[in-house]
Amino acid sequence: MKMMDCKDVTRLMSERYERTLSLRERLSLKVHTAMCIGCTNYGKHMDVLRKAMARLREGQTSDER
């Protein structure tokens, strides 16, 4: 299995919210993020932003009712 670079990993991190990643893609992400603190932090930031947007969306939905 070829080692993914940071560009490929960040692309997959975005895609995992839109589709189911293959086993190979998930394993590649795990291996890369185990060794790369930059991509690990990027993934954490994406999770925080996604949760914040969900809370914002929920707040707007309940205000509109």
PDB file of N, CA and C in Angstrom:
ATOM      1  N   MET A   1       0.851  -1.180   0.000  1.00  0.00           N
ATOM      2  CA  MET A   1       0.000   0.000   0.000  1.00  0.00           C
ATOM      3  C   MET A   1       0.898   1.245   0.000  1.00  0.00           C
ATOM      4  N   LYS A   2       0.625   2.165  -0.912  1.00  0.00           N
ATOM      5  CA  LYS A   2       1.398   3.400  -1.048  1.00  0.00           C
ATOM      6  C   LYS A   2       1.038   4.370   0.075  1.00  0.00           C
ATOM      7  N   MET A   3       2.043   4.998   0.638  1.00  0.00           N
ATOM      8  CA  MET A   3       1.825   6.003   1.683  1.00  0.00           C
ATOM      9  C   MET A   3       1.190   7.244   1.058  1.00  0.00           C
ATOM     10  N   MET A   4       0.096   7.708   1.639  1.00  0.00           N
ATOM     11  CA  MET A   4      -0.582   8.899   1.129  1.00  0.00           C
ATOM     12  C   MET A   4       0.138  10.155   1.591  1.00  0.00           C
ATOM     13  N   ASP A   5       0.063  11.203   0.762  1.00  0.00           N
ATOM     14  CA  ASP A   5       0.623  12.477   1.198  1.00  0.00           C
ATOM     15  C   ASP A   5      -0.487  13.312   1.844  1.00  0.00           C
ATOM     16  N   CYS A   6      -0.105  14.430   2.444  1.00  0.00           N
ATOM     17  CA  CYS A   6      -1.048  15.259   3.187  1.00  0.00           C
ATOM     18  C   CYS A   6      -2.187  15.766   2.303  1.00  0.00           C
ATOM     19  N   LYS A   7      -1.888  16.085   1.065  1.00  0.00           N
ATOM     20  CA  LYS A   7      -2.925  16.578   0.151  1.00  0.00           C
ATOM     21  C   LYS A   7      -4.003  15.509  -0.055  1.00  0.00           C
ATOM     22  N   ASP A   8      -3.591  14.277  -0.284  1.00  0.00           N
ATOM     23  CA  ASP A   8      -4.547  13.182  -0.471  1.00  0.00           C
ATOM     24  C   ASP A   8      -5.353  12.923   0.805  1.00  0.00           C
ATOM     25  N   VAL A   9      -4.687  12.987   1.935  1.00  0.00           N
ATOM     26  CA  VAL A   9      -5.342  12.715   3.216  1.00  0.00           C
ATOM     27  C   VAL A   9      -6.401  13.775   3.521  1.00  0.00           C
ATOM     28  N   THR A  10      -6.081  15.048   3.328  1.00  0.00           N
ATOM     29  CA  THR A  10      -7.061  16.094   3.612  1.00  0.00           C
ATOM     30  C   THR A  10      -8.247  16.007   2.649  1.00  0.00           C
ATOM     31  N   ARG A  11      -8.001  15.596   1.423  1.00  0.00           N
ATOM     32  CA  ARG A  11      -9.103  15.400   0.464  1.00  0.00           C
ATOM     33  C   ARG A  11     -10.025  14.287   0.963  1.00  0.00           C
ATOM     34  N   LEU A  12      -9.430  13.180   1.415  1.00  0.00           N
ATOM     35  CA  LEU A  12     -10.243  12.075   1.932  1.00  0.00           C
ATOM     36  C   LEU A  12     -10.994  12.459   3.204  1.00  0.00           C
ATOM     37  N   MET A  13     -10.371  13.275   4.024  1.00  0.00           N
ATOM     38  CA  MET A  13     -11.047  13.728   5.245  1.00  0.00           C
ATOM     39  C   MET A  13     -12.309  14.499   4.903  1.00  0.00           C
ATOM     40  N   SER A  14     -12.276  15.261   3.838  1.00  0.00           N
ATOM     41  CA  SER A  14     -13.467  15.983   3.394  1.00  0.00           C
ATOM     42  C   SER A  14     -14.478  15.028   2.776  1.00  0.00           C
ATOM     43  N   GLU A  15     -14.000  14.107   1.985  1.00  0.00           N
ATOM     44  CA  GLU A  15     -14.894  13.176   1.293  1.00  0.00           C
ATOM     45  C   GLU A  15     -15.612  12.221   2.229  1.00  0.00           C
ATOM     46  N   ARG A  16     -15.025  11.938   3.393  1.00  0.00           N
ATOM     47  CA  ARG A  16     -15.657  10.971   4.296  1.00  0.00           C
ATOM     48  C   ARG A  16     -16.986  11.469   4.836  1.00  0.00           C
ATOM     49  N   TYR A  17     -17.244  12.775   4.733  1.00  0.00           N
ATOM     50  CA  TYR A  17     -18.533  13.314   5.152  1.00  0.00           C
ATOM     51  C   TYR A  17     -19.569  13.210   4.045  1.00  0.00           C
ATOM     52  N   GLU A  18     -19.126  12.907   2.836  1.00  0.00           N
ATOM     53  CA  GLU A  18     -20.026  12.855   1.686  1.00  0.00           C
ATOM     54  C   GLU A  18     -20.266  11.441   1.175  1.00  0.00           C
ATOM     55  N   ARG A  19     -19.374  10.536   1.501  1.00  0.00           N
ATOM     56  CA  ARG A  19     -19.516   9.161   1.030  1.00  0.00           C
ATOM     57  C   ARG A  19     -18.813   8.221   1.996  1.00  0.00           C
ATOM     58  N   THR A  20     -19.076   6.936   1.845  1.00  0.00           N
ATOM     59  CA  THR A  20     -18.407   5.928   2.659  1.00  0.00           C
ATOM     60  C   THR A  20     -17.056   5.617   2.020  1.00  0.00           C
ATOM     61  N   LEU A  21     -16.003   5.746   2.812  1.00  0.00           N
ATOM     62  CA  LEU A  21     -14.666   5.448   2.303  1.00  0.00           C
ATOM     63  C   LEU A  21     -14.449   3.938   2.269  1.00  0.00           C
ATOM     64  N   SER A  22     -13.620   3.513   1.320  1.00  0.00           N
ATOM     65  CA  SER A  22     -13.287   2.095   1.234  1.00  0.00           C
ATOM     66  C   SER A  22     -12.393   1.705   2.411  1.00  0.00           C
ATOM     67  N   LEU A  23     -12.265   0.429   2.634  1.00  0.00           N
ATOM     68  CA  LEU A  23     -11.392  -0.060   3.699  1.00  0.00           C
ATOM     69  C   LEU A  23      -9.965   0.423   3.475  1.00  0.00           C
ATOM     70  N   ARG A  24      -9.502   0.354   2.261  1.00  0.00           N
ATOM     71  CA  ARG A  24      -8.144   0.813   1.938  1.00  0.00           C
ATOM     72  C   ARG A  24      -7.974   2.296   2.264  1.00  0.00           C
ATOM     73  N   GLU A  25      -8.970   3.108   1.914  1.00  0.00           N
ATOM     74  CA  GLU A  25      -8.888   4.545   2.199  1.00  0.00           C
ATOM     75  C   GLU A  25      -8.878   4.808   3.699  1.00  0.00           C
ATOM     76  N   ARG A  26      -9.734   4.098   4.438  1.00  0.00           N
ATOM     77  CA  ARG A  26      -9.781   4.278   5.898  1.00  0.00           C
ATOM     78  C   ARG A  26      -8.463   3.874   6.547  1.00  0.00           C
ATOM     79  N   LEU A  27      -7.881   2.773   6.092  1.00  0.00           N
ATOM     80  CA  LEU A  27      -6.595   2.323   6.638  1.00  0.00           C
ATOM     81  C   LEU A  27      -5.488   3.317   6.308  1.00  0.00           C
ATOM     82  N   SER A  28      -5.498   3.824   5.095  1.00  0.00           N
ATOM     83  CA  SER A  28      -4.491   4.810   4.692  1.00  0.00           C
ATOM     84  C   SER A  28      -4.590   6.066   5.551  1.00  0.00           C
ATOM     85  N   LEU A  29      -5.813   6.497   5.826  1.00  0.00           N
ATOM     86  CA  LEU A  29      -6.007   7.656   6.702  1.00  0.00           C
ATOM     87  C   LEU A  29      -5.450   7.384   8.094  1.00  0.00           C
ATOM     88  N   LYS A  30      -5.762   6.208   8.626  1.00  0.00           N
ATOM     89  CA  LYS A  30      -5.287   5.847   9.977  1.00  0.00           C
ATOM     90  C   LYS A  30      -3.761   5.836  10.052  1.00  0.00           C
ATOM     91  N   VAL A  31      -3.135   5.219   9.064  1.00  0.00           N
ATOM     92  CA  VAL A  31      -1.672   5.121   9.060  1.00  0.00           C
ATOM     93  C   VAL A  31      -1.053   6.513   8.961  1.00  0.00           C
ATOM     94  N   HIS A  32      -1.560   7.317   8.049  1.00  0.00           N
ATOM     95  CA  HIS A  32      -0.981   8.646   7.846  1.00  0.00           C
ATOM     96  C   HIS A  32      -1.170   9.529   9.081  1.00  0.00           C
ATOM     97  N   THR A  33      -2.395   9.557   9.618  1.00  0.00           N
ATOM     98  CA  THR A  33      -2.632  10.433  10.769  1.00  0.00           C
ATOM     99  C   THR A  33      -1.909   9.954  12.025  1.00  0.00           C
ATOM    100  N   ALA A  34      -1.564   8.680  12.085  1.00  0.00           N
ATOM    101  CA  ALA A  34      -0.769   8.187  13.217  1.00  0.00           C
ATOM    102  C   ALA A  34       0.634   8.778  13.203  1.00  0.00           C
ATOM    103  N   MET A  35       1.083   9.180  12.020  1.00  0.00           N
ATOM    104  CA  MET A  35       2.448   9.708  11.885  1.00  0.00           C
ATOM    105  C   MET A  35       2.511  11.205  11.614  1.00  0.00           C
ATOM    106  N   CYS A  36       1.376  11.832  11.304  1.00  0.00           N
ATOM    107  CA  CYS A  36       1.393  13.232  10.873  1.00  0.00           C
ATOM    108  C   CYS A  36       0.505  14.083  11.785  1.00  0.00           C
ATOM    109  N   ILE A  37       1.122  14.867  12.634  1.00  0.00           N
ATOM    110  CA  ILE A  37       0.371  15.703  13.572  1.00  0.00           C
ATOM    111  C   ILE A  37      -0.413  16.790  12.840  1.00  0.00           C
ATOM    112  N   GLY A  38       0.098  17.266  11.718  1.00  0.00           N
ATOM    113  CA  GLY A  38      -0.601  18.298  10.951  1.00  0.00           C
ATOM    114  C   GLY A  38      -1.945  17.814  10.444  1.00  0.00           C
ATOM    115  N   CYS A  39      -1.975  16.636   9.880  1.00  0.00           N
ATOM    116  CA  CYS A  39      -3.230  16.073   9.366  1.00  0.00           C
ATOM    117  C   CYS A  39      -4.153  15.653  10.500  1.00  0.00           C
ATOM    118  N   THR A  40      -3.584  15.210  11.602  1.00  0.00           N
ATOM    119  CA  THR A  40      -4.390  14.881  12.778  1.00  0.00           C
ATOM    120  C   THR A  40      -5.114  16.136  13.256  1.00  0.00           C
ATOM    121  N   ASN A  41      -4.396  17.240  13.362  1.00  0.00           N
ATOM    122  CA  ASN A  41      -5.001  18.503  13.782  1.00  0.00           C
ATOM    123  C   ASN A  41      -6.040  18.988  12.774  1.00  0.00           C
ATOM    124  N   TYR A  42      -5.745  18.838  11.494  1.00  0.00           N
ATOM    125  CA  TYR A  42      -6.684  19.228  10.452  1.00  0.00           C
ATOM    126  C   TYR A  42      -8.004  18.459  10.618  1.00  0.00           C
ATOM    127  N   GLY A  43      -7.913  17.164  10.852  1.00  0.00           N
ATOM    128  CA  GLY A  43      -9.106  16.350  11.051  1.00  0.00           C
ATOM    129  C   GLY A  43      -9.898  16.786  12.271  1.00  0.00           C
ATOM    130  N   LYS A  44      -9.209  17.112  13.355  1.00  0.00           N
ATOM    131  CA  LYS A  44      -9.891  17.589  14.564  1.00  0.00           C
ATOM    132  C   LYS A  44     -10.602  18.909  14.299  1.00  0.00           C
ATOM    133  N   HIS A  45      -9.943  19.806  13.573  1.00  0.00           N
ATOM    134  CA  HIS A  45     -10.556  21.095  13.249  1.00  0.00           C
ATOM    135  C   HIS A  45     -11.792  20.911  12.373  1.00  0.00           C
ATOM    136  N   MET A  46     -11.714  19.995  11.426  1.00  0.00           N
ATOM    137  CA  MET A  46     -12.880  19.724  10.579  1.00  0.00           C
ATOM    138  C   MET A  46     -14.050  19.216  11.412  1.00  0.00           C
ATOM    139  N   ASP A  47     -13.769  18.349  12.374  1.00  0.00           N
ATOM    140  CA  ASP A  47     -14.833  17.826  13.239  1.00  0.00           C
ATOM    141  C   ASP A  47     -15.477  18.945  14.058  1.00  0.00           C
ATOM    142  N   VAL A  48     -14.658  19.849  14.599  1.00  0.00           N
ATOM    143  CA  VAL A  48     -15.177  20.971  15.386  1.00  0.00           C
ATOM    144  C   VAL A  48     -16.058  21.865  14.513  1.00  0.00           C
ATOM    145  N   LEU A  49     -15.578  22.182  13.315  1.00  0.00           N
ATOM    146  CA  LEU A  49     -16.357  23.032  12.413  1.00  0.00           C
ATOM    147  C   LEU A  49     -17.674  22.372  12.014  1.00  0.00           C
ATOM    148  N   ARG A  50     -17.624  21.088  11.756  1.00  0.00           N
ATOM    149  CA  ARG A  50     -18.832  20.367  11.359  1.00  0.00           C
ATOM    150  C   ARG A  50     -19.873  20.356  12.488  1.00  0.00           C
ATOM    151  N   LYS A  51     -19.413  20.137  13.718  1.00  0.00           N
ATOM    152  CA  LYS A  51     -20.319  20.156  14.863  1.00  0.00           C
ATOM    153  C   LYS A  51     -20.883  21.556  15.102  1.00  0.00           C
ATOM    154  N   ALA A  52     -20.054  22.574  14.945  1.00  0.00           N
ATOM    155  CA  ALA A  52     -20.512  23.955  15.119  1.00  0.00           C
ATOM    156  C   ALA A  52     -21.569  24.308  14.076  1.00  0.00           C
ATOM    157  N   MET A  53     -21.346  23.890  12.841  1.00  0.00           N
ATOM    158  CA  MET A  53     -22.326  24.161  11.788  1.00  0.00           C
ATOM    159  C   MET A  53     -23.636  23.425  12.055  1.00  0.00           C
ATOM    160  N   ALA A  54     -23.559  22.222  12.580  1.00  0.00           N
ATOM    161  CA  ALA A  54     -24.775  21.466  12.902  1.00  0.00           C
ATOM    162  C   ALA A  54     -25.554  22.177  14.007  1.00  0.00           C
ATOM    163  N   ARG A  55     -24.850  22.677  15.024  1.00  0.00           N
ATOM    164  CA  ARG A  55     -25.527  23.407  16.107  1.00  0.00           C
ATOM    165  C   ARG A  55     -26.152  24.687  15.577  1.00  0.00           C
ATOM    166  N   LEU A  56     -25.444  25.373  14.710  1.00  0.00           N
ATOM    167  CA  LEU A  56     -25.966  26.600  14.117  1.00  0.00           C
ATOM    168  C   LEU A  56     -27.222  26.297  13.298  1.00  0.00           C
ATOM    169  N   ARG A  57     -27.154  25.243  12.506  1.00  0.00           N
ATOM    170  CA  ARG A  57     -28.295  24.859  11.677  1.00  0.00           C
ATOM    171  C   ARG A  57     -29.500  24.497  12.564  1.00  0.00           C
ATOM    172  N   GLU A  58     -29.259  23.786  13.645  1.00  0.00           N
ATOM    173  CA  GLU A  58     -30.341  23.420  14.561  1.00  0.00           C
ATOM    174  C   GLU A  58     -30.956  24.665  15.205  1.00  0.00           C
ATOM    175  N   GLY A  59     -30.129  25.620  15.559  1.00  0.00           N
ATOM    176  CA  GLY A  59     -30.618  26.863  16.150  1.00  0.00           C
ATOM    177  C   GLY A  59     -31.468  27.649  15.177  1.00  0.00           C
ATOM    178  N   GLN A  60     -31.059  27.679  13.937  1.00  0.00           N
ATOM    179  CA  GLN A  60     -31.837  28.401  12.924  1.00  0.00           C
ATOM    180  C   GLN A  60     -33.160  27.699  12.662  1.00  0.00           C
ATOM    181  N   THR A  61     -33.148  26.371  12.659  1.00  0.00           N
ATOM    182  CA  THR A  61     -34.361  25.607  12.413  1.00  0.00           C
ATOM    183  C   THR A  61     -35.379  25.833  13.514  1.00  0.00           C
ATOM    184  N   SER A  62     -34.940  25.835  14.774  1.00  0.00           N
ATOM    185  CA  SER A  62     -35.884  25.989  15.872  1.00  0.00           C
ATOM    186  C   SER A  62     -36.386  27.435  15.950  1.00  0.00           C
ATOM    187  N   ASP A  63     -35.615  28.424  15.497  1.00  0.00           N
ATOM    188  CA  ASP A  63     -36.063  29.819  15.482  1.00  0.00           C
ATOM    189  C   ASP A  63     -37.116  30.051  14.401  1.00  0.00           C
ATOM    190  N   GLU A  64     -37.041  29.281  13.320  1.00  0.00           N
ATOM    191  CA  GLU A  64     -37.952  29.472  12.204  1.00  0.00           C
ATOM    192  C   GLU A  64     -39.339  28.918  12.488  1.00  0.00           C
ATOM    193  N   ARG A  65     -39.487  28.051  13.466  1.00  0.00           N
ATOM    194  CA  ARG A  65     -40.780  27.412  13.769  1.00  0.00           C
ATOM    195  C   ARG A  65     -41.730  28.339  14.422  1.00  0.00           C
TER     196      ARG A  65
END
